Amino acid sequence: MQPFYPHATQIIFQGPTGGPYVNAPFRGVIHTTQSVDYTPSTTNYYGHSNPPHFTVARKNGNARVYQHYSVRVAARALANMEGGVQTNRQCAIQIEIAWRAENIGNLHPTMKTALRNLIRWISQECNIQQTSPEFLGSEAYGNGSPARMSSSEWNAFNGWCGHQHVPENLHWDPGRIDIDFLLQ
């Protein structure tokens, strides 16, 4: 497994990683930042210190991919309750899109293409299947979300999901993303 995407700008975060992975199938998790802006930093990620592996953003009219951690270690962008399932360390390769979940249907075409190319590379490097659950809108918010996986579903999952699908998390991002296009 190659640790770094060859088409990414390396913005390696200076804080600790999420640690080593547990023994599980790899999976991809797509998030949105809820902002269309992104300011690259090695110490601050949108006001906190829990970045994903990658950020896809538009800079100067072009889609750019930034990498914050090697794919060989866990990132820390998911909530992980003590005593629950592993979320970040469950071989979850995480991508944040600098966009808003409620507007994901209008994701700029260059960003969609950059995201699709990144997903292809991650899938090949980490042996992630090109499958996904259904992506929902704001109804996916909260613990009782119809999108949220159970602990056993999460532990066995190998494919691409959203923040809305991860146990122990409340968010509904990335919304109704065009996952069929991304997994072509």
N, C-alpha and C. Protein backbone atom coordinates (compact mmCIF):
# COMPACT_ATOMS: atom_id res chain seq x y z
N MET A 1 0.84 -1.18 0.00
CA MET A 1 0.00 0.00 0.00
C MET A 1 0.89 1.25 0.00
N GLN A 2 0.69 2.10 -1.01
CA GLN A 2 1.41 3.36 -1.06
C GLN A 2 0.81 4.32 -0.03
N PRO A 3 1.64 5.00 0.77
CA PRO A 3 1.10 5.84 1.84
C PRO A 3 0.53 7.18 1.39
N PHE A 4 0.98 7.68 0.23
CA PHE A 4 0.58 9.04 -0.18
C PHE A 4 0.06 9.06 -1.62
N TYR A 5 -1.03 9.77 -1.80
CA TYR A 5 -1.64 9.94 -3.12
C TYR A 5 -0.71 10.81 -3.96
N PRO A 6 -0.27 10.34 -5.13
CA PRO A 6 0.71 11.09 -5.91
C PRO A 6 0.22 12.43 -6.44
N HIS A 7 -1.11 12.66 -6.49
CA HIS A 7 -1.64 13.92 -7.01
C HIS A 7 -2.10 14.87 -5.90
N ALA A 8 -1.70 14.59 -4.67
CA ALA A 8 -2.10 15.45 -3.54
C ALA A 8 -0.95 16.37 -3.14
N THR A 9 -1.34 17.52 -2.62
CA THR A 9 -0.39 18.40 -1.95
C THR A 9 -0.31 17.92 -0.51
N GLN A 10 0.89 17.63 -0.04
CA GLN A 10 1.06 17.12 1.31
C GLN A 10 1.01 18.27 2.32
N ILE A 11 0.01 18.27 3.17
CA ILE A 11 -0.14 19.20 4.28
C ILE A 11 -0.23 18.31 5.52
N ILE A 12 0.89 17.72 5.90
CA ILE A 12 0.91 16.71 6.97
C ILE A 12 0.65 17.40 8.32
N PHE A 13 -0.41 16.94 8.98
CA PHE A 13 -0.82 17.54 10.24
C PHE A 13 0.20 17.24 11.34
N GLN A 14 0.50 18.23 12.16
CA GLN A 14 1.53 18.10 13.19
C GLN A 14 1.07 17.43 14.47
N GLY A 15 -0.21 17.26 14.65
CA GLY A 15 -0.72 16.57 15.84
C GLY A 15 -0.63 15.08 15.67
N PRO A 16 -1.01 14.32 16.69
CA PRO A 16 -0.95 12.87 16.59
C PRO A 16 -1.97 12.33 15.58
N THR A 17 -1.65 11.17 15.03
CA THR A 17 -2.61 10.50 14.14
C THR A 17 -3.68 9.85 15.01
N GLY A 18 -4.59 9.15 14.38
CA GLY A 18 -5.60 8.39 15.11
C GLY A 18 -5.06 7.07 15.64
N GLY A 19 -3.80 6.75 15.34
CA GLY A 19 -3.18 5.52 15.82
C GLY A 19 -3.22 4.42 14.78
N PRO A 20 -2.82 3.22 15.18
CA PRO A 20 -2.82 2.10 14.24
C PRO A 20 -4.25 1.60 13.99
N TYR A 21 -4.42 0.97 12.85
CA TYR A 21 -5.72 0.38 12.53
C TYR A 21 -5.91 -0.91 13.31
N VAL A 22 -7.18 -1.26 13.54
CA VAL A 22 -7.52 -2.57 14.07
C VAL A 22 -7.68 -3.50 12.88
N ASN A 23 -7.69 -4.78 13.10
CA ASN A 23 -7.80 -5.75 12.03
C ASN A 23 -9.22 -5.79 11.50
N ALA A 24 -9.44 -5.17 10.34
CA ALA A 24 -10.79 -5.10 9.76
C ALA A 24 -10.65 -4.81 8.27
N PRO A 25 -11.73 -4.95 7.51
CA PRO A 25 -11.69 -4.54 6.11
C PRO A 25 -11.58 -3.01 6.03
N PHE A 26 -10.89 -2.54 5.01
CA PHE A 26 -10.84 -1.09 4.80
C PHE A 26 -12.17 -0.60 4.28
N ARG A 27 -12.44 0.67 4.53
CA ARG A 27 -13.64 1.35 4.05
C ARG A 27 -13.31 2.81 3.87
N GLY A 28 -14.06 3.49 2.99
CA GLY A 28 -13.90 4.92 2.80
C GLY A 28 -15.07 5.65 3.42
N VAL A 29 -14.78 6.83 3.99
CA VAL A 29 -15.82 7.66 4.61
C VAL A 29 -15.70 9.06 4.02
N ILE A 30 -16.81 9.54 3.46
CA ILE A 30 -16.86 10.86 2.84
C ILE A 30 -17.58 11.82 3.78
N HIS A 31 -16.95 12.97 4.01
CA HIS A 31 -17.50 14.04 4.85
C HIS A 31 -17.64 15.32 4.02
N THR A 32 -18.32 16.31 4.55
CA THR A 32 -18.24 17.67 4.04
C THR A 32 -17.82 18.57 5.19
N THR A 33 -17.09 19.63 4.85
CA THR A 33 -16.59 20.56 5.88
C THR A 33 -17.64 21.56 6.32
N GLN A 34 -18.71 21.68 5.56
CA GLN A 34 -19.76 22.68 5.76
C GLN A 34 -19.24 24.10 5.52
N SER A 35 -18.20 24.20 4.70
CA SER A 35 -17.64 25.46 4.25
C SER A 35 -17.05 25.20 2.87
N VAL A 36 -17.17 26.18 1.97
CA VAL A 36 -16.57 26.00 0.65
C VAL A 36 -15.13 26.50 0.62
N ASP A 37 -14.68 27.08 1.72
CA ASP A 37 -13.31 27.58 1.82
C ASP A 37 -12.45 26.56 2.55
N TYR A 38 -11.17 26.54 2.21
CA TYR A 38 -10.21 25.72 2.93
C TYR A 38 -8.88 26.47 2.98
N THR A 39 -8.35 26.63 4.18
CA THR A 39 -7.05 27.25 4.38
C THR A 39 -6.09 26.17 4.86
N PRO A 40 -5.16 25.74 4.00
CA PRO A 40 -4.23 24.68 4.40
C PRO A 40 -3.42 25.07 5.63
N SER A 41 -3.31 24.14 6.57
CA SER A 41 -2.55 24.36 7.80
C SER A 41 -2.08 23.01 8.32
N THR A 42 -0.94 23.00 8.96
CA THR A 42 -0.43 21.77 9.58
C THR A 42 -0.80 21.68 11.06
N THR A 43 -1.49 22.69 11.58
CA THR A 43 -1.81 22.69 13.01
C THR A 43 -3.28 22.97 13.33
N ASN A 44 -4.07 23.44 12.35
CA ASN A 44 -5.45 23.82 12.61
C ASN A 44 -6.32 23.33 11.46
N TYR A 45 -7.34 22.55 11.79
CA TYR A 45 -8.27 22.08 10.77
C TYR A 45 -9.66 22.58 11.12
N TYR A 46 -10.08 23.66 10.51
CA TYR A 46 -11.38 24.27 10.76
C TYR A 46 -11.61 24.49 12.26
N GLY A 47 -10.60 24.98 12.94
CA GLY A 47 -10.73 25.33 14.35
C GLY A 47 -10.53 24.18 15.33
N HIS A 48 -10.15 23.01 14.85
CA HIS A 48 -9.89 21.88 15.75
C HIS A 48 -8.64 21.14 15.28
N SER A 49 -8.34 20.04 15.91
CA SER A 49 -7.11 19.29 15.59
C SER A 49 -7.41 17.84 15.21
N ASN A 50 -8.53 17.62 14.51
CA ASN A 50 -8.94 16.26 14.12
C ASN A 50 -9.18 16.18 12.61
N PRO A 51 -8.12 16.25 11.82
CA PRO A 51 -8.33 16.22 10.37
C PRO A 51 -8.56 14.81 9.84
N PRO A 52 -9.08 14.75 8.59
CA PRO A 52 -9.22 13.47 7.89
C PRO A 52 -7.88 13.14 7.21
N HIS A 53 -7.88 12.11 6.40
CA HIS A 53 -6.70 11.82 5.59
C HIS A 53 -6.54 12.85 4.47
N PHE A 54 -7.68 13.23 3.85
CA PHE A 54 -7.67 14.09 2.66
C PHE A 54 -8.71 15.18 2.75
N THR A 55 -8.41 16.31 2.09
CA THR A 55 -9.39 17.37 1.86
C THR A 55 -9.39 17.66 0.36
N VAL A 56 -10.59 17.72 -0.23
CA VAL A 56 -10.75 18.10 -1.63
C VAL A 56 -11.39 19.48 -1.61
N ALA A 57 -10.74 20.47 -2.25
CA ALA A 57 -11.21 21.85 -2.20
C ALA A 57 -10.94 22.53 -3.54
N ARG A 58 -11.64 23.64 -3.78
CA ARG A 58 -11.37 24.48 -4.95
C ARG A 58 -10.47 25.62 -4.52
N LYS A 59 -9.38 25.76 -5.23
CA LYS A 59 -8.44 26.87 -5.01
C LYS A 59 -8.14 27.50 -6.35
N ASN A 60 -8.37 28.80 -6.46
CA ASN A 60 -8.09 29.53 -7.69
C ASN A 60 -8.78 28.89 -8.89
N GLY A 61 -10.01 28.41 -8.70
CA GLY A 61 -10.79 27.84 -9.78
C GLY A 61 -10.48 26.39 -10.12
N ASN A 62 -9.51 25.79 -9.44
CA ASN A 62 -9.12 24.41 -9.71
C ASN A 62 -9.41 23.53 -8.50
N ALA A 63 -9.77 22.27 -8.77
CA ALA A 63 -9.94 21.30 -7.70
C ALA A 63 -8.56 20.86 -7.24
N ARG A 64 -8.37 20.81 -5.92
CA ARG A 64 -7.09 20.39 -5.35
C ARG A 64 -7.35 19.33 -4.29
N VAL A 65 -6.43 18.40 -4.17
CA VAL A 65 -6.48 17.37 -3.13
C VAL A 65 -5.32 17.62 -2.19
N TYR A 66 -5.62 17.69 -0.90
CA TYR A 66 -4.61 17.86 0.15
C TYR A 66 -4.61 16.60 1.01
N GLN A 67 -3.42 16.13 1.37
CA GLN A 67 -3.33 14.95 2.21
C GLN A 67 -2.70 15.33 3.55
N HIS A 68 -3.36 14.88 4.65
CA HIS A 68 -2.95 15.26 6.00
C HIS A 68 -2.28 14.13 6.77
N TYR A 69 -2.59 12.88 6.42
CA TYR A 69 -1.98 11.70 7.04
C TYR A 69 -1.75 10.65 5.96
N SER A 70 -0.78 9.79 6.20
CA SER A 70 -0.59 8.60 5.38
C SER A 70 -1.83 7.72 5.49
N VAL A 71 -2.16 6.98 4.44
CA VAL A 71 -3.30 6.05 4.54
C VAL A 71 -2.93 4.82 5.36
N ARG A 72 -1.69 4.72 5.81
CA ARG A 72 -1.25 3.58 6.64
C ARG A 72 -1.57 3.76 8.12
N VAL A 73 -2.08 4.94 8.50
CA VAL A 73 -2.48 5.19 9.89
C VAL A 73 -3.87 5.80 9.91
N ALA A 74 -4.54 5.70 11.03
CA ALA A 74 -5.89 6.24 11.17
C ALA A 74 -5.87 7.76 11.26
N ALA A 75 -6.91 8.38 10.72
CA ALA A 75 -7.16 9.81 10.92
C ALA A 75 -8.05 9.94 12.15
N ARG A 76 -8.54 11.17 12.43
CA ARG A 76 -9.31 11.38 13.66
C ARG A 76 -10.57 12.20 13.47
N ALA A 77 -11.14 12.22 12.27
CA ALA A 77 -12.27 13.11 12.00
C ALA A 77 -13.63 12.57 12.46
N LEU A 78 -13.69 11.31 12.88
CA LEU A 78 -14.95 10.72 13.34
C LEU A 78 -15.04 10.73 14.87
N ALA A 79 -16.25 10.92 15.39
CA ALA A 79 -16.47 10.74 16.82
C ALA A 79 -16.27 9.26 17.14
N ASN A 80 -15.69 8.99 18.31
CA ASN A 80 -15.44 7.61 18.73
C ASN A 80 -15.66 7.53 20.24
N MET A 81 -16.78 6.94 20.63
CA MET A 81 -17.12 6.86 22.06
C MET A 81 -16.31 5.80 22.77
N GLU A 82 -15.95 6.10 23.98
CA GLU A 82 -15.23 5.12 24.80
C GLU A 82 -16.12 3.91 25.04
N GLY A 83 -15.57 2.73 24.83
CA GLY A 83 -16.31 1.50 25.04
C GLY A 83 -17.16 1.07 23.87
N GLY A 84 -17.21 1.87 22.81
CA GLY A 84 -18.01 1.51 21.64
C GLY A 84 -17.16 0.85 20.58
N VAL A 85 -17.65 0.89 19.34
CA VAL A 85 -16.87 0.35 18.22
C VAL A 85 -15.76 1.33 17.88
N GLN A 86 -14.76 0.83 17.20
CA GLN A 86 -13.75 1.73 16.67
C GLN A 86 -14.34 2.41 15.44
N THR A 87 -14.17 3.68 15.33
CA THR A 87 -14.63 4.38 14.13
C THR A 87 -13.41 4.77 13.30
N ASN A 88 -12.59 5.67 13.80
CA ASN A 88 -11.41 6.10 13.05
C ASN A 88 -10.44 4.95 12.79
N ARG A 89 -10.20 4.13 13.78
CA ARG A 89 -9.21 3.06 13.68
C ARG A 89 -9.74 1.81 12.97
N GLN A 90 -11.01 1.80 12.59
CA GLN A 90 -11.61 0.65 11.90
C GLN A 90 -11.28 0.72 10.41
N CYS A 91 -10.02 0.99 10.11
CA CYS A 91 -9.54 1.05 8.71
C CYS A 91 -10.36 2.01 7.87
N ALA A 92 -10.74 3.16 8.44
CA ALA A 92 -11.56 4.15 7.76
C ALA A 92 -10.68 5.21 7.12
N ILE A 93 -10.62 5.21 5.80
CA ILE A 93 -9.90 6.24 5.05
C ILE A 93 -10.90 7.38 4.83
N GLN A 94 -10.55 8.57 5.34
CA GLN A 94 -11.51 9.66 5.40
C GLN A 94 -11.18 10.81 4.46
N ILE A 95 -12.21 11.28 3.76
CA ILE A 95 -12.09 12.40 2.84
C ILE A 95 -13.10 13.47 3.25
N GLU A 96 -12.63 14.70 3.42
CA GLU A 96 -13.51 15.85 3.61
C GLU A 96 -13.58 16.62 2.29
N ILE A 97 -14.78 16.99 1.90
CA ILE A 97 -14.99 17.85 0.73
C ILE A 97 -15.29 19.25 1.26
N ALA A 98 -14.57 20.24 0.79
CA ALA A 98 -14.83 21.62 1.19
C ALA A 98 -16.10 22.08 0.47
N TRP A 99 -17.23 21.73 1.06
CA TRP A 99 -18.55 21.99 0.46
C TRP A 99 -19.60 21.83 1.56
N ARG A 100 -20.82 22.14 1.26
CA ARG A 100 -21.93 22.01 2.21
C ARG A 100 -22.81 20.81 1.82
N ALA A 101 -23.16 20.00 2.82
CA ALA A 101 -23.98 18.81 2.57
C ALA A 101 -25.30 19.17 1.90
N GLU A 102 -25.92 20.26 2.33
CA GLU A 102 -27.22 20.64 1.77
C GLU A 102 -27.12 21.10 0.31
N ASN A 103 -25.91 21.32 -0.19
CA ASN A 103 -25.71 21.77 -1.56
C ASN A 103 -24.84 20.78 -2.36
N ILE A 104 -24.70 19.54 -1.88
CA ILE A 104 -23.79 18.58 -2.50
C ILE A 104 -24.20 18.23 -3.93
N GLY A 105 -25.46 18.37 -4.26
CA GLY A 105 -25.92 18.12 -5.63
C GLY A 105 -25.34 19.11 -6.63
N ASN A 106 -24.83 20.23 -6.13
CA ASN A 106 -24.22 21.25 -6.98
C ASN A 106 -22.69 21.27 -6.86
N LEU A 107 -22.13 20.15 -6.41
CA LEU A 107 -20.67 20.06 -6.31
C LEU A 107 -20.05 20.34 -7.68
N HIS A 108 -19.06 21.21 -7.72
CA HIS A 108 -18.45 21.62 -8.97
C HIS A 108 -17.90 20.40 -9.72
N PRO A 109 -18.11 20.33 -11.03
CA PRO A 109 -17.66 19.15 -11.80
C PRO A 109 -16.17 18.83 -11.64
N THR A 110 -15.33 19.84 -11.53
CA THR A 110 -13.90 19.54 -11.36
C THR A 110 -13.63 18.90 -10.00
N MET A 111 -14.41 19.27 -9.00
CA MET A 111 -14.25 18.64 -7.69
C MET A 111 -14.75 17.21 -7.72
N LYS A 112 -15.86 16.96 -8.44
CA LYS A 112 -16.38 15.60 -8.56
C LYS A 112 -15.35 14.70 -9.24
N THR A 113 -14.72 15.20 -10.28
CA THR A 113 -13.72 14.41 -10.99
C THR A 113 -12.49 14.16 -10.10
N ALA A 114 -12.03 15.18 -9.39
CA ALA A 114 -10.89 15.00 -8.49
C ALA A 114 -11.22 14.00 -7.39
N LEU A 115 -12.43 14.08 -6.86
CA LEU A 115 -12.88 13.16 -5.82
C LEU A 115 -12.97 11.74 -6.36
N ARG A 116 -13.52 11.57 -7.56
CA ARG A 116 -13.62 10.25 -8.16
C ARG A 116 -12.23 9.64 -8.38
N ASN A 117 -11.28 10.43 -8.85
CA ASN A 117 -9.92 9.94 -9.07
C ASN A 117 -9.26 9.54 -7.75
N LEU A 118 -9.48 10.32 -6.70
CA LEU A 118 -8.94 10.00 -5.38
C LEU A 118 -9.56 8.71 -4.85
N ILE A 119 -10.87 8.57 -4.98
CA ILE A 119 -11.55 7.36 -4.52
C ILE A 119 -11.03 6.13 -5.26
N ARG A 120 -10.80 6.27 -6.55
CA ARG A 120 -10.23 5.14 -7.33
C ARG A 120 -8.88 4.72 -6.77
N TRP A 121 -8.02 5.70 -6.52
CA TRP A 121 -6.68 5.41 -6.01
C TRP A 121 -6.76 4.74 -4.63
N ILE A 122 -7.55 5.31 -3.73
CA ILE A 122 -7.70 4.74 -2.38
C ILE A 122 -8.25 3.33 -2.48
N SER A 123 -9.25 3.13 -3.31
CA SER A 123 -9.87 1.80 -3.46
C SER A 123 -8.84 0.78 -3.92
N GLN A 124 -8.01 1.14 -4.86
CA GLN A 124 -6.98 0.22 -5.35
C GLN A 124 -5.91 -0.04 -4.29
N GLU A 125 -5.45 1.01 -3.64
CA GLU A 125 -4.37 0.87 -2.65
C GLU A 125 -4.83 0.11 -1.41
N CYS A 126 -6.08 0.30 -1.00
CA CYS A 126 -6.58 -0.26 0.26
C CYS A 126 -7.56 -1.41 0.06
N ASN A 127 -7.76 -1.81 -1.17
CA ASN A 127 -8.65 -2.93 -1.47
C ASN A 127 -10.08 -2.69 -0.96
N ILE A 128 -10.62 -1.50 -1.28
CA ILE A 128 -11.97 -1.14 -0.90
C ILE A 128 -12.91 -1.46 -2.05
N GLN A 129 -13.98 -2.16 -1.76
CA GLN A 129 -14.97 -2.50 -2.78
C GLN A 129 -15.71 -1.26 -3.26
N GLN A 130 -16.14 -1.28 -4.50
CA GLN A 130 -16.87 -0.16 -5.10
C GLN A 130 -18.37 -0.32 -4.86
N THR A 131 -18.75 -0.40 -3.59
CA THR A 131 -20.14 -0.50 -3.18
C THR A 131 -20.43 0.57 -2.14
N SER A 132 -21.70 0.83 -1.92
CA SER A 132 -22.07 1.82 -0.91
C SER A 132 -23.51 1.62 -0.47
N PRO A 133 -23.84 2.08 0.73
CA PRO A 133 -25.24 2.16 1.12
C PRO A 133 -25.87 3.38 0.43
N GLU A 134 -27.16 3.54 0.57
CA GLU A 134 -27.85 4.71 0.04
C GLU A 134 -27.42 5.95 0.84
N PHE A 135 -27.22 7.05 0.14
CA PHE A 135 -26.90 8.32 0.79
C PHE A 135 -28.17 9.14 0.91
N LEU A 136 -28.46 9.62 2.11
CA LEU A 136 -29.68 10.38 2.40
C LEU A 136 -29.36 11.85 2.64
N GLY A 137 -30.41 12.64 2.79
CA GLY A 137 -30.28 14.06 3.10
C GLY A 137 -30.33 14.29 4.60
N SER A 138 -30.90 15.42 5.00
CA SER A 138 -30.90 15.82 6.40
C SER A 138 -31.64 14.84 7.31
N GLU A 139 -32.49 13.98 6.76
CA GLU A 139 -33.17 12.97 7.58
C GLU A 139 -32.18 11.95 8.15
N ALA A 140 -30.93 11.98 7.68
CA ALA A 140 -29.90 11.06 8.18
C ALA A 140 -29.23 11.58 9.45
N TYR A 141 -29.67 12.73 9.97
CA TYR A 141 -29.07 13.28 11.19
C TYR A 141 -29.50 12.48 12.42
N GLY A 142 -28.56 12.27 13.35
CA GLY A 142 -28.89 11.74 14.67
C GLY A 142 -28.67 10.26 14.84
N ASN A 143 -28.81 9.82 16.10
CA ASN A 143 -28.62 8.41 16.44
C ASN A 143 -29.65 7.50 15.80
N GLY A 144 -30.87 7.95 15.67
CA GLY A 144 -31.94 7.13 15.10
C GLY A 144 -32.01 7.20 13.59
N SER A 145 -30.99 7.72 12.97
CA SER A 145 -30.98 7.91 11.52
C SER A 145 -31.22 6.60 10.77
N PRO A 146 -32.03 6.65 9.71
CA PRO A 146 -32.23 5.45 8.89
C PRO A 146 -30.96 5.06 8.11
N ALA A 147 -29.97 5.95 8.05
CA ALA A 147 -28.72 5.66 7.34
C ALA A 147 -27.67 5.02 8.24
N ARG A 148 -27.76 5.25 9.56
CA ARG A 148 -26.69 4.85 10.49
C ARG A 148 -26.54 3.34 10.54
N MET A 149 -25.30 2.86 10.41
CA MET A 149 -25.01 1.42 10.51
C MET A 149 -25.01 0.98 11.96
N SER A 150 -25.38 -0.27 12.18
CA SER A 150 -25.22 -0.87 13.50
C SER A 150 -23.73 -1.15 13.71
N SER A 151 -23.36 -1.47 14.92
CA SER A 151 -21.95 -1.79 15.21
C SER A 151 -21.48 -2.98 14.37
N SER A 152 -22.30 -4.02 14.27
CA SER A 152 -21.88 -5.20 13.50
C SER A 152 -21.79 -4.90 12.00
N GLU A 153 -22.71 -4.07 11.49
CA GLU A 153 -22.62 -3.68 10.08
C GLU A 153 -21.34 -2.89 9.82
N TRP A 154 -21.03 -1.96 10.72
CA TRP A 154 -19.81 -1.15 10.59
C TRP A 154 -18.56 -2.03 10.65
N ASN A 155 -18.52 -2.95 11.57
CA ASN A 155 -17.33 -3.81 11.72
C ASN A 155 -17.06 -4.64 10.48
N ALA A 156 -18.10 -5.05 9.76
CA ALA A 156 -17.94 -5.91 8.59
C ALA A 156 -17.87 -5.13 7.27
N PHE A 157 -18.13 -3.84 7.29
CA PHE A 157 -18.29 -3.06 6.06
C PHE A 157 -16.99 -2.95 5.27
N ASN A 158 -17.09 -3.10 3.95
CA ASN A 158 -16.00 -2.84 3.02
C ASN A 158 -16.63 -2.17 1.82
N GLY A 159 -16.50 -0.85 1.72
CA GLY A 159 -17.08 -0.08 0.64
C GLY A 159 -16.91 1.40 0.97
N TRP A 160 -17.75 2.23 0.36
CA TRP A 160 -17.72 3.69 0.57
C TRP A 160 -19.01 4.13 1.24
N CYS A 161 -18.87 4.90 2.30
CA CYS A 161 -20.03 5.42 3.02
C CYS A 161 -19.80 6.89 3.34
N GLY A 162 -20.78 7.48 3.98
CA GLY A 162 -20.67 8.87 4.41
C GLY A 162 -20.59 8.94 5.92
N HIS A 163 -20.30 10.12 6.40
CA HIS A 163 -20.30 10.38 7.85
C HIS A 163 -21.65 9.97 8.42
N GLN A 164 -22.71 10.14 7.62
CA GLN A 164 -24.07 9.81 8.04
C GLN A 164 -24.27 8.33 8.35
N HIS A 165 -23.39 7.47 7.89
CA HIS A 165 -23.55 6.03 8.07
C HIS A 165 -22.79 5.48 9.29
N VAL A 166 -21.86 6.25 9.83
CA VAL A 166 -20.94 5.76 10.85
C VAL A 166 -21.59 5.73 12.24
N PRO A 167 -21.51 4.58 12.94
CA PRO A 167 -22.05 4.53 14.30
C PRO A 167 -21.37 5.54 15.22
N GLU A 168 -22.05 5.92 16.28
CA GLU A 168 -21.54 6.84 17.30
C GLU A 168 -21.40 8.27 16.80
N ASN A 169 -21.84 8.56 15.59
CA ASN A 169 -21.77 9.89 15.01
C ASN A 169 -23.18 10.39 14.73
N LEU A 170 -23.38 11.70 14.76
CA LEU A 170 -24.69 12.28 14.57
C LEU A 170 -24.86 12.97 13.21
N HIS A 171 -23.77 13.34 12.58
CA HIS A 171 -23.81 14.15 11.36
C HIS A 171 -24.50 13.45 10.20
N TRP A 172 -24.98 14.24 9.23
CA TRP A 172 -25.65 13.67 8.07
C TRP A 172 -24.90 13.94 6.77
N ASP A 173 -23.71 14.53 6.88
CA ASP A 173 -22.93 14.78 5.68
C ASP A 173 -22.42 13.46 5.08
N PRO A 174 -22.19 13.42 3.81
CA PRO A 174 -22.14 14.51 2.85
C PRO A 174 -23.48 14.80 2.18
N GLY A 175 -24.57 14.26 2.65
CA GLY A 175 -25.86 14.44 2.00
C GLY A 175 -26.02 13.48 0.83
N ARG A 176 -26.90 13.84 -0.09
CA ARG A 176 -27.24 12.98 -1.23
C ARG A 176 -26.20 13.11 -2.35
N ILE A 177 -24.98 12.74 -2.06
CA ILE A 177 -23.89 12.83 -3.02
C ILE A 177 -24.10 11.82 -4.16
N ASP A 178 -23.61 12.13 -5.33
CA ASP A 178 -23.74 11.26 -6.51
C ASP A 178 -22.70 10.13 -6.40
N ILE A 179 -22.97 9.18 -5.54
CA ILE A 179 -22.02 8.10 -5.27
C ILE A 179 -21.84 7.20 -6.51
N ASP A 180 -22.87 7.07 -7.34
CA ASP A 180 -22.73 6.25 -8.56
C ASP A 180 -21.66 6.83 -9.48
N PHE A 181 -21.64 8.14 -9.64
CA PHE A 181 -20.61 8.79 -10.45
C PHE A 181 -19.23 8.57 -9.82
N LEU A 182 -19.14 8.72 -8.50
CA LEU A 182 -17.85 8.61 -7.83
C LEU A 182 -17.27 7.21 -7.87
N LEU A 183 -18.12 6.19 -7.94
CA LEU A 183 -17.65 4.81 -7.93
C LEU A 183 -17.55 4.20 -9.34
N GLN A 184 -17.78 5.00 -10.39
CA GLN A 184 -17.67 4.49 -11.77
C GLN A 184 -16.26 4.01 -12.04
